[in-house]
Amino acid sequence: MIAMQPILELTKSYGFDLWPVIEPETYAWFPLSGELTPAEVGTAVWCIVDYNDDPEDAARPADPVDAFLFGMLTADLAIVAGGLRVVDDSTGTTFVPGCCDGLEDWREWRRLLSPGGRIAFGHPPVSPLAERVGDKILLTVDAEQDTSPTIELTDADLTRTLAGVERDLTDFLGLVVEWAPQHLPGREAAVITAIAGVLDLPVP
């Protein structure tokens, strides 16, 4: 069985206290879905906002919460480290995002349904690659290695798993809609709109 998940690149929050978050022990991939606790939703929101934060921006407001949100709310195109994780249970192979990947581009995977579709997600030391080869889609864990593990998808596999990703992201956004008024009162509409934009989803 092949499964696909939208994931964020999560690092330690180092004492973040503007709203409740969980504290990972180490660097981790953080999957998004509709099954997250409120603290996990807060962690995902923190991760998205933090990736777009620029503490050196002189235009940041004085209020700590508004200052932290400023980068995400004013960016022409907010981005976030992460992407799609693909797991093939039959072989135990896992394909994860590379350094040039971003969750905001998850819909780009549909390019692989067309002839010549190819997406490079990183560069050395690890270079994940997705490409169309004939009537199959091949995910190479590290294109720099001749013996790299691979995952093979059919068009039906990709269509099915991307539909699942969209459900997971939509369900997560639904949790943000519930979470934001409690933790970011007065700012919830702007935050929900910005996060929907990051996830390339319609605003609820």
N, C-alpha and C. Protein backbone atom coordinates (compact mmCIF):
# COMPACT_ATOMS: atom_id res chain seq x y z
N MET A 1 0.84 -1.19 0.00
CA MET A 1 0.00 0.00 0.00
C MET A 1 0.88 1.25 0.00
N ILE A 2 0.56 2.20 -0.86
CA ILE A 2 1.32 3.45 -0.91
C ILE A 2 0.47 4.55 -0.28
N ALA A 3 1.08 5.28 0.66
CA ALA A 3 0.39 6.36 1.36
C ALA A 3 1.18 7.66 1.20
N MET A 4 0.47 8.77 1.21
CA MET A 4 1.09 10.09 1.05
C MET A 4 0.54 11.02 2.13
N GLN A 5 1.43 11.81 2.74
CA GLN A 5 1.03 12.74 3.79
C GLN A 5 1.65 14.11 3.55
N PRO A 6 0.90 15.18 3.84
CA PRO A 6 1.51 16.51 3.87
C PRO A 6 2.25 16.69 5.20
N ILE A 7 3.51 17.13 5.15
CA ILE A 7 4.30 17.27 6.36
C ILE A 7 5.02 18.62 6.40
N LEU A 8 5.25 19.08 7.62
CA LEU A 8 6.04 20.28 7.86
C LEU A 8 7.39 19.88 8.42
N GLU A 9 8.38 20.71 8.15
CA GLU A 9 9.70 20.53 8.75
C GLU A 9 9.70 21.24 10.09
N LEU A 10 9.78 20.48 11.17
CA LEU A 10 9.61 21.03 12.51
C LEU A 10 10.94 21.04 13.26
N THR A 11 11.26 22.18 13.87
CA THR A 11 12.44 22.30 14.71
C THR A 11 12.00 22.73 16.10
N LYS A 12 12.92 22.81 17.03
CA LYS A 12 12.59 23.21 18.39
C LYS A 12 12.13 24.67 18.41
N SER A 13 11.15 24.93 19.28
CA SER A 13 10.58 26.29 19.35
C SER A 13 11.36 27.21 20.29
N TYR A 14 12.30 26.68 21.07
CA TYR A 14 13.18 27.48 21.92
C TYR A 14 12.43 28.52 22.76
N GLY A 15 11.50 28.02 23.56
CA GLY A 15 10.83 28.88 24.52
C GLY A 15 9.71 29.72 23.96
N PHE A 16 9.22 29.41 22.77
CA PHE A 16 8.10 30.16 22.20
C PHE A 16 6.92 30.11 23.16
N ASP A 17 6.31 31.28 23.45
CA ASP A 17 5.24 31.31 24.45
C ASP A 17 4.05 32.19 24.07
N LEU A 18 3.89 32.50 22.79
CA LEU A 18 2.76 33.34 22.38
C LEU A 18 1.46 32.54 22.36
N TRP A 19 1.55 31.22 22.23
CA TRP A 19 0.41 30.31 22.36
C TRP A 19 0.97 28.92 22.61
N PRO A 20 0.16 27.98 23.10
CA PRO A 20 0.67 26.64 23.43
C PRO A 20 1.16 25.87 22.20
N VAL A 21 2.34 25.27 22.35
CA VAL A 21 2.90 24.42 21.31
C VAL A 21 3.51 23.19 21.97
N ILE A 22 3.73 22.15 21.18
CA ILE A 22 4.48 21.01 21.68
C ILE A 22 5.96 21.27 21.42
N GLU A 23 6.82 20.59 22.13
CA GLU A 23 8.27 20.78 21.99
C GLU A 23 8.90 19.49 21.51
N PRO A 24 9.26 19.40 20.24
CA PRO A 24 9.89 18.17 19.74
C PRO A 24 11.26 17.99 20.36
N GLU A 25 11.62 16.74 20.57
CA GLU A 25 12.94 16.46 21.14
C GLU A 25 14.04 16.77 20.15
N THR A 26 13.78 16.54 18.88
CA THR A 26 14.77 16.76 17.85
C THR A 26 14.06 17.27 16.60
N TYR A 27 14.82 17.56 15.57
CA TYR A 27 14.26 17.87 14.26
C TYR A 27 13.31 16.76 13.84
N ALA A 28 12.17 17.13 13.27
CA ALA A 28 11.18 16.10 12.94
C ALA A 28 10.32 16.54 11.77
N TRP A 29 9.71 15.54 11.12
CA TRP A 29 8.66 15.80 10.15
C TRP A 29 7.33 15.74 10.88
N PHE A 30 6.48 16.73 10.63
CA PHE A 30 5.23 16.88 11.38
C PHE A 30 4.05 16.76 10.41
N PRO A 31 3.30 15.65 10.44
CA PRO A 31 2.20 15.47 9.49
C PRO A 31 0.99 16.32 9.86
N LEU A 32 0.31 16.84 8.84
CA LEU A 32 -0.90 17.62 9.03
C LEU A 32 -2.12 16.77 8.69
N SER A 33 -3.16 16.91 9.50
CA SER A 33 -4.40 16.18 9.28
C SER A 33 -5.47 16.80 10.16
N GLY A 34 -6.63 16.20 10.15
CA GLY A 34 -7.69 16.65 11.03
C GLY A 34 -7.69 15.98 12.38
N GLU A 35 -6.62 15.24 12.69
CA GLU A 35 -6.54 14.49 13.94
C GLU A 35 -5.65 15.15 14.99
N LEU A 36 -5.23 16.39 14.78
CA LEU A 36 -4.28 17.03 15.68
C LEU A 36 -4.97 17.58 16.93
N THR A 37 -4.24 17.58 18.04
CA THR A 37 -4.72 18.23 19.26
C THR A 37 -4.57 19.74 19.11
N PRO A 38 -5.23 20.53 19.98
CA PRO A 38 -5.06 21.98 19.90
C PRO A 38 -3.60 22.42 20.00
N ALA A 39 -2.81 21.78 20.86
CA ALA A 39 -1.39 22.15 20.97
C ALA A 39 -0.63 21.80 19.70
N GLU A 40 -1.01 20.71 19.05
CA GLU A 40 -0.37 20.35 17.79
C GLU A 40 -0.76 21.31 16.67
N VAL A 41 -2.02 21.75 16.67
CA VAL A 41 -2.43 22.78 15.70
C VAL A 41 -1.61 24.05 15.93
N GLY A 42 -1.48 24.44 17.21
CA GLY A 42 -0.67 25.61 17.53
C GLY A 42 0.76 25.46 17.09
N THR A 43 1.28 24.24 17.17
CA THR A 43 2.66 23.98 16.73
C THR A 43 2.78 24.15 15.22
N ALA A 44 1.82 23.63 14.49
CA ALA A 44 1.85 23.77 13.03
C ALA A 44 1.73 25.24 12.62
N VAL A 45 0.84 25.98 13.28
CA VAL A 45 0.70 27.41 12.98
C VAL A 45 2.00 28.13 13.30
N TRP A 46 2.59 27.82 14.46
CA TRP A 46 3.88 28.44 14.81
C TRP A 46 4.92 28.16 13.73
N CYS A 47 4.98 26.92 13.27
CA CYS A 47 5.98 26.53 12.27
C CYS A 47 5.80 27.32 10.98
N ILE A 48 4.55 27.45 10.53
CA ILE A 48 4.28 28.18 9.29
C ILE A 48 4.62 29.66 9.45
N VAL A 49 4.19 30.25 10.57
CA VAL A 49 4.46 31.67 10.79
C VAL A 49 5.95 31.92 10.95
N ASP A 50 6.62 31.07 11.73
CA ASP A 50 8.04 31.26 12.00
C ASP A 50 8.87 31.22 10.73
N TYR A 51 8.49 30.37 9.79
CA TYR A 51 9.28 30.25 8.56
C TYR A 51 9.24 31.53 7.73
N ASN A 52 8.20 32.33 7.93
CA ASN A 52 8.05 33.57 7.18
C ASN A 52 8.40 34.81 8.00
N ASP A 53 8.86 34.61 9.21
CA ASP A 53 9.18 35.73 10.10
C ASP A 53 10.54 36.32 9.77
N ASP A 54 10.63 37.64 9.83
CA ASP A 54 11.90 38.34 9.64
C ASP A 54 12.07 39.32 10.79
N PRO A 55 12.78 38.90 11.86
CA PRO A 55 12.94 39.77 13.03
C PRO A 55 13.63 41.09 12.73
N GLU A 56 14.33 41.18 11.60
CA GLU A 56 15.05 42.40 11.26
C GLU A 56 14.20 43.40 10.46
N ASP A 57 12.98 43.02 10.13
CA ASP A 57 12.11 43.90 9.34
C ASP A 57 11.69 45.10 10.20
N ALA A 58 12.09 46.29 9.79
CA ALA A 58 11.81 47.51 10.57
C ALA A 58 10.33 47.84 10.59
N ALA A 59 9.55 47.27 9.68
CA ALA A 59 8.12 47.57 9.62
C ALA A 59 7.30 46.73 10.60
N ARG A 60 7.94 45.80 11.29
CA ARG A 60 7.19 44.94 12.22
C ARG A 60 6.54 45.78 13.31
N PRO A 61 5.28 45.49 13.66
CA PRO A 61 4.61 46.22 14.75
C PRO A 61 5.29 45.95 16.09
N ALA A 62 4.97 46.78 17.07
CA ALA A 62 5.59 46.63 18.39
C ALA A 62 4.99 45.47 19.18
N ASP A 63 3.70 45.21 19.00
CA ASP A 63 3.05 44.13 19.73
C ASP A 63 3.70 42.80 19.37
N PRO A 64 4.07 41.98 20.35
CA PRO A 64 4.81 40.73 20.07
C PRO A 64 4.06 39.78 19.13
N VAL A 65 2.75 39.62 19.33
CA VAL A 65 1.99 38.71 18.48
C VAL A 65 1.90 39.27 17.07
N ASP A 66 1.56 40.55 16.95
CA ASP A 66 1.45 41.16 15.62
C ASP A 66 2.80 41.17 14.91
N ALA A 67 3.87 41.36 15.68
CA ALA A 67 5.21 41.36 15.08
C ALA A 67 5.54 39.98 14.52
N PHE A 68 5.19 38.94 15.27
CA PHE A 68 5.50 37.58 14.83
C PHE A 68 4.68 37.21 13.59
N LEU A 69 3.43 37.63 13.55
CA LEU A 69 2.55 37.31 12.43
C LEU A 69 2.85 38.14 11.19
N PHE A 70 3.55 39.25 11.35
CA PHE A 70 3.69 40.25 10.30
C PHE A 70 4.23 39.66 8.99
N GLY A 71 5.28 38.87 9.06
CA GLY A 71 5.89 38.34 7.84
C GLY A 71 4.92 37.50 7.04
N MET A 72 4.21 36.59 7.71
CA MET A 72 3.27 35.73 7.00
C MET A 72 2.10 36.54 6.44
N LEU A 73 1.60 37.51 7.22
CA LEU A 73 0.42 38.25 6.79
C LEU A 73 0.71 39.24 5.68
N THR A 74 1.96 39.64 5.52
CA THR A 74 2.29 40.65 4.51
C THR A 74 3.06 40.08 3.32
N ALA A 75 3.43 38.82 3.37
CA ALA A 75 4.20 38.22 2.27
C ALA A 75 3.35 38.12 1.01
N ASP A 76 3.96 38.42 -0.14
CA ASP A 76 3.27 38.22 -1.41
C ASP A 76 2.97 36.74 -1.62
N LEU A 77 3.91 35.91 -1.21
CA LEU A 77 3.72 34.46 -1.30
C LEU A 77 4.41 33.82 -0.10
N ALA A 78 3.63 33.52 0.93
CA ALA A 78 4.20 32.86 2.10
C ALA A 78 4.61 31.44 1.73
N ILE A 79 5.67 30.96 2.34
CA ILE A 79 6.18 29.62 2.06
C ILE A 79 6.41 28.89 3.37
N VAL A 80 6.59 27.59 3.28
CA VAL A 80 6.86 26.82 4.50
C VAL A 80 7.65 25.57 4.14
N ALA A 81 8.66 25.29 4.93
CA ALA A 81 9.48 24.10 4.70
C ALA A 81 8.63 22.85 4.95
N GLY A 82 8.74 21.93 4.03
CA GLY A 82 7.98 20.69 4.13
C GLY A 82 7.64 20.19 2.75
N GLY A 83 6.59 19.43 2.65
CA GLY A 83 6.19 18.88 1.36
C GLY A 83 5.34 17.64 1.57
N LEU A 84 5.52 16.66 0.71
CA LEU A 84 4.75 15.43 0.78
C LEU A 84 5.66 14.25 1.07
N ARG A 85 5.26 13.46 2.04
CA ARG A 85 5.99 12.22 2.35
C ARG A 85 5.23 11.05 1.75
N VAL A 86 5.96 10.18 1.05
CA VAL A 86 5.34 9.00 0.43
C VAL A 86 5.97 7.76 1.03
N VAL A 87 5.13 6.83 1.45
CA VAL A 87 5.60 5.59 2.08
C VAL A 87 5.04 4.41 1.30
N ASP A 88 5.92 3.49 0.93
CA ASP A 88 5.53 2.24 0.28
C ASP A 88 5.68 1.12 1.31
N ASP A 89 4.58 0.69 1.88
CA ASP A 89 4.62 -0.32 2.93
C ASP A 89 5.16 -1.65 2.42
N SER A 90 5.00 -1.92 1.13
CA SER A 90 5.41 -3.22 0.61
C SER A 90 6.93 -3.37 0.59
N THR A 91 7.65 -2.24 0.51
CA THR A 91 9.11 -2.30 0.46
C THR A 91 9.77 -1.61 1.66
N GLY A 92 8.98 -0.87 2.43
CA GLY A 92 9.54 -0.11 3.54
C GLY A 92 10.27 1.15 3.11
N THR A 93 10.06 1.58 1.87
CA THR A 93 10.75 2.77 1.35
C THR A 93 9.94 4.03 1.67
N THR A 94 10.66 5.07 2.11
CA THR A 94 10.03 6.36 2.41
C THR A 94 10.70 7.47 1.61
N PHE A 95 9.89 8.25 0.94
CA PHE A 95 10.35 9.40 0.14
C PHE A 95 9.93 10.65 0.89
N VAL A 96 10.91 11.51 1.23
CA VAL A 96 10.61 12.71 2.01
C VAL A 96 11.06 13.96 1.24
N PRO A 97 10.54 15.13 1.63
CA PRO A 97 10.91 16.36 0.93
C PRO A 97 12.40 16.64 1.00
N GLY A 98 12.87 17.40 0.02
CA GLY A 98 14.25 17.85 0.00
C GLY A 98 14.37 19.30 0.41
N CYS A 99 15.58 19.83 0.37
CA CYS A 99 15.85 21.18 0.85
C CYS A 99 15.21 22.26 -0.02
N CYS A 100 14.87 21.93 -1.26
CA CYS A 100 14.26 22.91 -2.17
C CYS A 100 12.75 22.74 -2.26
N ASP A 101 12.19 21.94 -1.39
CA ASP A 101 10.77 21.64 -1.42
C ASP A 101 10.02 22.57 -0.49
N GLY A 102 8.74 22.73 -0.73
CA GLY A 102 7.88 23.53 0.14
C GLY A 102 6.47 23.01 0.06
N LEU A 103 5.78 22.97 1.18
CA LEU A 103 4.42 22.42 1.19
C LEU A 103 3.48 23.26 0.33
N GLU A 104 3.80 24.55 0.17
CA GLU A 104 2.94 25.41 -0.63
C GLU A 104 2.84 24.96 -2.09
N ASP A 105 3.79 24.13 -2.52
CA ASP A 105 3.82 23.68 -3.92
C ASP A 105 3.25 22.27 -4.11
N TRP A 106 2.47 21.80 -3.15
CA TRP A 106 2.06 20.40 -3.22
C TRP A 106 1.24 20.08 -4.48
N ARG A 107 0.51 21.04 -5.02
CA ARG A 107 -0.28 20.77 -6.22
C ARG A 107 0.60 20.56 -7.46
N GLU A 108 1.87 20.97 -7.38
CA GLU A 108 2.77 20.78 -8.51
C GLU A 108 2.97 19.30 -8.84
N TRP A 109 2.70 18.43 -7.88
CA TRP A 109 2.84 17.00 -8.14
C TRP A 109 1.96 16.54 -9.30
N ARG A 110 0.89 17.27 -9.62
CA ARG A 110 0.02 16.88 -10.71
C ARG A 110 0.74 16.94 -12.06
N ARG A 111 1.86 17.65 -12.11
CA ARG A 111 2.64 17.69 -13.35
C ARG A 111 3.12 16.30 -13.75
N LEU A 112 3.26 15.43 -12.76
CA LEU A 112 3.77 14.09 -13.04
C LEU A 112 2.77 13.23 -13.80
N LEU A 113 1.54 13.70 -13.91
CA LEU A 113 0.55 12.98 -14.68
C LEU A 113 0.69 13.23 -16.18
N SER A 114 1.54 14.20 -16.55
CA SER A 114 1.73 14.56 -17.96
C SER A 114 3.07 14.03 -18.47
N PRO A 115 3.16 13.75 -19.77
CA PRO A 115 4.43 13.28 -20.34
C PRO A 115 5.55 14.27 -20.05
N GLY A 116 6.72 13.74 -19.65
CA GLY A 116 7.86 14.59 -19.36
C GLY A 116 7.83 15.23 -17.99
N GLY A 117 6.80 14.93 -17.18
CA GLY A 117 6.71 15.53 -15.85
C GLY A 117 7.91 15.17 -14.99
N ARG A 118 8.48 16.17 -14.36
CA ARG A 118 9.69 15.94 -13.55
C ARG A 118 9.79 17.03 -12.49
N ILE A 119 10.06 16.64 -11.24
CA ILE A 119 10.23 17.60 -10.15
C ILE A 119 11.46 17.20 -9.34
N ALA A 120 12.45 18.10 -9.27
CA ALA A 120 13.63 17.89 -8.42
C ALA A 120 13.40 18.65 -7.12
N PHE A 121 13.53 17.97 -6.00
CA PHE A 121 13.19 18.55 -4.71
C PHE A 121 14.40 18.98 -3.88
N GLY A 122 15.60 18.79 -4.38
CA GLY A 122 16.75 19.16 -3.57
C GLY A 122 18.04 19.01 -4.34
N HIS A 123 19.13 19.12 -3.63
CA HIS A 123 20.47 18.99 -4.22
C HIS A 123 21.36 18.31 -3.19
N PRO A 124 22.59 17.92 -3.56
CA PRO A 124 23.45 17.21 -2.62
C PRO A 124 23.54 17.94 -1.28
N PRO A 125 23.56 17.21 -0.17
CA PRO A 125 23.88 15.77 -0.08
C PRO A 125 22.72 14.82 -0.36
N VAL A 126 21.46 15.29 -0.37
CA VAL A 126 20.34 14.41 -0.68
C VAL A 126 19.47 15.08 -1.73
N SER A 127 19.17 14.36 -2.80
CA SER A 127 18.45 14.95 -3.94
C SER A 127 17.24 14.11 -4.30
N PRO A 128 16.11 14.29 -3.62
CA PRO A 128 14.90 13.56 -4.00
C PRO A 128 14.43 13.99 -5.39
N LEU A 129 13.92 13.04 -6.16
CA LEU A 129 13.50 13.32 -7.52
C LEU A 129 12.23 12.54 -7.83
N ALA A 130 11.26 13.24 -8.45
CA ALA A 130 10.05 12.57 -8.93
C ALA A 130 9.97 12.81 -10.44
N GLU A 131 9.74 11.76 -11.20
CA GLU A 131 9.71 11.92 -12.66
C GLU A 131 8.81 10.87 -13.30
N ARG A 132 8.28 11.27 -14.44
CA ARG A 132 7.48 10.32 -15.21
C ARG A 132 8.41 9.52 -16.12
N VAL A 133 8.28 8.22 -16.07
CA VAL A 133 9.08 7.32 -16.90
C VAL A 133 8.10 6.40 -17.62
N GLY A 134 7.82 6.71 -18.89
CA GLY A 134 6.83 5.93 -19.63
C GLY A 134 5.45 6.15 -19.03
N ASP A 135 4.80 5.05 -18.67
CA ASP A 135 3.46 5.17 -18.09
C ASP A 135 3.48 5.06 -16.56
N LYS A 136 4.67 5.17 -15.96
CA LYS A 136 4.81 5.11 -14.51
C LYS A 136 5.39 6.40 -13.96
N ILE A 137 5.25 6.61 -12.65
CA ILE A 137 5.86 7.73 -11.95
C ILE A 137 6.86 7.15 -10.97
N LEU A 138 8.10 7.59 -11.07
CA LEU A 138 9.18 7.04 -10.26
C LEU A 138 9.65 8.09 -9.26
N LEU A 139 9.64 7.73 -7.98
CA LEU A 139 10.16 8.58 -6.91
C LEU A 139 11.50 8.02 -6.47
N THR A 140 12.56 8.79 -6.65
CA THR A 140 13.89 8.35 -6.26
C THR A 140 14.27 9.07 -4.98
N VAL A 141 14.57 8.32 -3.93
CA VAL A 141 14.87 8.90 -2.63
C VAL A 141 16.07 9.83 -2.71
N ASP A 142 17.12 9.43 -3.42
CA ASP A 142 18.32 10.26 -3.59
C ASP A 142 18.90 10.01 -4.98
N ALA A 143 18.64 10.95 -5.89
CA ALA A 143 19.08 10.79 -7.28
C ALA A 143 20.59 10.82 -7.43
N GLU A 144 21.32 11.19 -6.37
CA GLU A 144 22.78 11.20 -6.44
C GLU A 144 23.36 9.79 -6.28
N GLN A 145 22.54 8.84 -5.87
CA GLN A 145 23.01 7.48 -5.65
C GLN A 145 22.43 6.54 -6.71
N ASP A 146 23.30 5.82 -7.36
CA ASP A 146 22.85 4.87 -8.40
C ASP A 146 21.97 3.77 -7.82
N THR A 147 22.19 3.45 -6.56
CA THR A 147 21.45 2.36 -5.93
C THR A 147 20.36 2.87 -5.00
N SER A 148 19.94 4.10 -5.20
CA SER A 148 18.94 4.68 -4.31
C SER A 148 17.63 3.90 -4.34
N PRO A 149 16.98 3.76 -3.18
CA PRO A 149 15.63 3.17 -3.16
C PRO A 149 14.67 4.04 -3.97
N THR A 150 13.66 3.40 -4.55
CA THR A 150 12.66 4.11 -5.35
C THR A 150 11.27 3.63 -4.97
N ILE A 151 10.29 4.45 -5.32
CA ILE A 151 8.89 4.08 -5.19
C ILE A 151 8.25 4.29 -6.56
N GLU A 152 7.50 3.30 -7.01
CA GLU A 152 6.85 3.39 -8.32
C GLU A 152 5.35 3.60 -8.13
N LEU A 153 4.81 4.62 -8.80
CA LEU A 153 3.39 4.94 -8.72
C LEU A 153 2.74 4.84 -10.10
N THR A 154 1.49 4.45 -10.11
CA THR A 154 0.68 4.57 -11.32
C THR A 154 -0.04 5.92 -11.28
N ASP A 155 -0.63 6.30 -12.40
CA ASP A 155 -1.43 7.52 -12.40
C ASP A 155 -2.55 7.43 -11.38
N ALA A 156 -3.15 6.26 -11.26
CA ALA A 156 -4.24 6.07 -10.29
C ALA A 156 -3.74 6.24 -8.86
N ASP A 157 -2.53 5.72 -8.58
CA ASP A 157 -1.94 5.89 -7.25
C ASP A 157 -1.77 7.37 -6.92
N LEU A 158 -1.20 8.11 -7.87
CA LEU A 158 -0.93 9.53 -7.61
C LEU A 158 -2.22 10.31 -7.44
N THR A 159 -3.19 10.05 -8.28
CA THR A 159 -4.47 10.75 -8.17
C THR A 159 -5.14 10.46 -6.83
N ARG A 160 -5.11 9.19 -6.43
CA ARG A 160 -5.72 8.81 -5.15
C ARG A 160 -5.02 9.44 -3.97
N THR A 161 -3.69 9.38 -3.96
CA THR A 161 -2.96 9.88 -2.80
C THR A 161 -2.99 11.41 -2.73
N LEU A 162 -3.00 12.10 -3.86
CA LEU A 162 -3.11 13.56 -3.82
C LEU A 162 -4.49 13.99 -3.33
N ALA A 163 -5.51 13.22 -3.65
CA ALA A 163 -6.84 13.50 -3.11
C ALA A 163 -6.83 13.36 -1.59
N GLY A 164 -6.08 12.37 -1.09
CA GLY A 164 -5.95 12.21 0.35
C GLY A 164 -5.20 13.36 0.99
N VAL A 165 -4.16 13.85 0.32
CA VAL A 165 -3.42 15.01 0.82
C VAL A 165 -4.35 16.22 0.92
N GLU A 166 -5.16 16.44 -0.10
CA GLU A 166 -6.08 17.58 -0.07
C GLU A 166 -7.07 17.46 1.08
N ARG A 167 -7.55 16.25 1.34
CA ARG A 167 -8.45 16.04 2.49
C ARG A 167 -7.74 16.35 3.79
N ASP A 168 -6.51 15.86 3.94
CA ASP A 168 -5.75 16.11 5.17
C ASP A 168 -5.55 17.61 5.39
N LEU A 169 -5.16 18.32 4.34
CA LEU A 169 -4.92 19.76 4.47
C LEU A 169 -6.22 20.51 4.75
N THR A 170 -7.28 20.12 4.09
CA THR A 170 -8.57 20.77 4.33
C THR A 170 -9.04 20.53 5.76
N ASP A 171 -8.87 19.31 6.24
CA ASP A 171 -9.25 18.99 7.62
C ASP A 171 -8.39 19.77 8.61
N PHE A 172 -7.08 19.88 8.33
CA PHE A 172 -6.21 20.68 9.20
C PHE A 172 -6.66 22.14 9.21
N LEU A 173 -6.97 22.69 8.04
CA LEU A 173 -7.42 24.08 7.99
C LEU A 173 -8.71 24.26 8.79
N GLY A 174 -9.57 23.25 8.78
CA GLY A 174 -10.77 23.30 9.61
C GLY A 174 -10.43 23.41 11.09
N LEU A 175 -9.39 22.71 11.52
CA LEU A 175 -8.94 22.82 12.92
C LEU A 175 -8.39 24.22 13.21
N VAL A 176 -7.68 24.81 12.24
CA VAL A 176 -7.17 26.17 12.42
C VAL A 176 -8.33 27.15 12.58
N VAL A 177 -9.41 26.94 11.83
CA VAL A 177 -10.59 27.80 11.94
C VAL A 177 -11.15 27.75 13.37
N GLU A 178 -11.11 26.58 14.00
CA GLU A 178 -11.59 26.45 15.38
C GLU A 178 -10.57 27.00 16.38
N TRP A 179 -9.29 26.82 16.08
CA TRP A 179 -8.22 27.18 17.02
C TRP A 179 -7.97 28.69 17.06
N ALA A 180 -7.97 29.34 15.92
CA ALA A 180 -7.52 30.73 15.82
C ALA A 180 -8.32 31.71 16.69
N PRO A 181 -9.65 31.64 16.74
CA PRO A 181 -10.37 32.61 17.59
C PRO A 181 -10.01 32.52 19.06
N GLN A 182 -9.62 31.33 19.52
CA GLN A 182 -9.28 31.15 20.92
C GLN A 182 -7.89 31.69 21.25
N HIS A 183 -6.96 31.56 20.31
CA HIS A 183 -5.57 31.90 20.60
C HIS A 183 -5.09 33.17 19.91
N LEU A 184 -5.80 33.60 18.90
CA LEU A 184 -5.44 34.84 18.19
C LEU A 184 -6.68 35.69 17.97
N PRO A 185 -7.40 36.04 19.05
CA PRO A 185 -8.64 36.81 18.90
C PRO A 185 -8.39 38.15 18.22
N GLY A 186 -9.27 38.47 17.28
CA GLY A 186 -9.13 39.72 16.53
C GLY A 186 -8.22 39.60 15.33
N ARG A 187 -7.48 38.52 15.28
CA ARG A 187 -6.54 38.31 14.17
C ARG A 187 -6.89 37.05 13.38
N GLU A 188 -7.93 36.35 13.83
CA GLU A 188 -8.20 35.02 13.27
C GLU A 188 -8.50 35.04 11.78
N ALA A 189 -9.25 36.02 11.30
CA ALA A 189 -9.61 36.03 9.88
C ALA A 189 -8.37 36.16 9.01
N ALA A 190 -7.45 37.06 9.39
CA ALA A 190 -6.23 37.26 8.60
C ALA A 190 -5.34 36.02 8.64
N VAL A 191 -5.26 35.39 9.81
CA VAL A 191 -4.41 34.20 9.95
C VAL A 191 -4.98 33.04 9.15
N ILE A 192 -6.27 32.81 9.24
CA ILE A 192 -6.90 31.72 8.49
C ILE A 192 -6.72 31.94 6.99
N THR A 193 -6.91 33.17 6.53
CA THR A 193 -6.74 33.47 5.11
C THR A 193 -5.30 33.22 4.67
N ALA A 194 -4.34 33.63 5.49
CA ALA A 194 -2.92 33.45 5.14
C ALA A 194 -2.54 31.98 5.10
N ILE A 195 -3.00 31.20 6.07
CA ILE A 195 -2.66 29.79 6.10
C ILE A 195 -3.34 29.04 4.95
N ALA A 196 -4.56 29.41 4.63
CA ALA A 196 -5.21 28.83 3.46
C ALA A 196 -4.38 29.11 2.21
N GLY A 197 -3.83 30.32 2.12
CA GLY A 197 -2.98 30.64 0.98
C GLY A 197 -1.72 29.81 0.94
N VAL A 198 -1.08 29.61 2.08
CA VAL A 198 0.12 28.79 2.14
C VAL A 198 -0.18 27.36 1.67
N LEU A 199 -1.33 26.86 2.04
CA LEU A 199 -1.69 25.48 1.72
C LEU A 199 -2.37 25.37 0.34
N ASP A 200 -2.50 26.49 -0.36
CA ASP A 200 -3.14 26.51 -1.68
C ASP A 200 -4.54 25.91 -1.61
N LEU A 201 -5.31 26.39 -0.61
CA LEU A 201 -6.68 25.96 -0.42
C LEU A 201 -7.60 27.18 -0.43
N PRO A 202 -8.88 27.01 -0.77
CA PRO A 202 -9.81 28.13 -0.66
C PRO A 202 -10.02 28.52 0.79
N VAL A 203 -10.25 29.80 1.03
CA VAL A 203 -10.51 30.27 2.39
C VAL A 203 -11.88 29.74 2.82
N PRO A 204 -11.96 29.13 4.00
CA PRO A 204 -13.26 28.61 4.46
C PRO A 204 -14.30 29.72 4.57
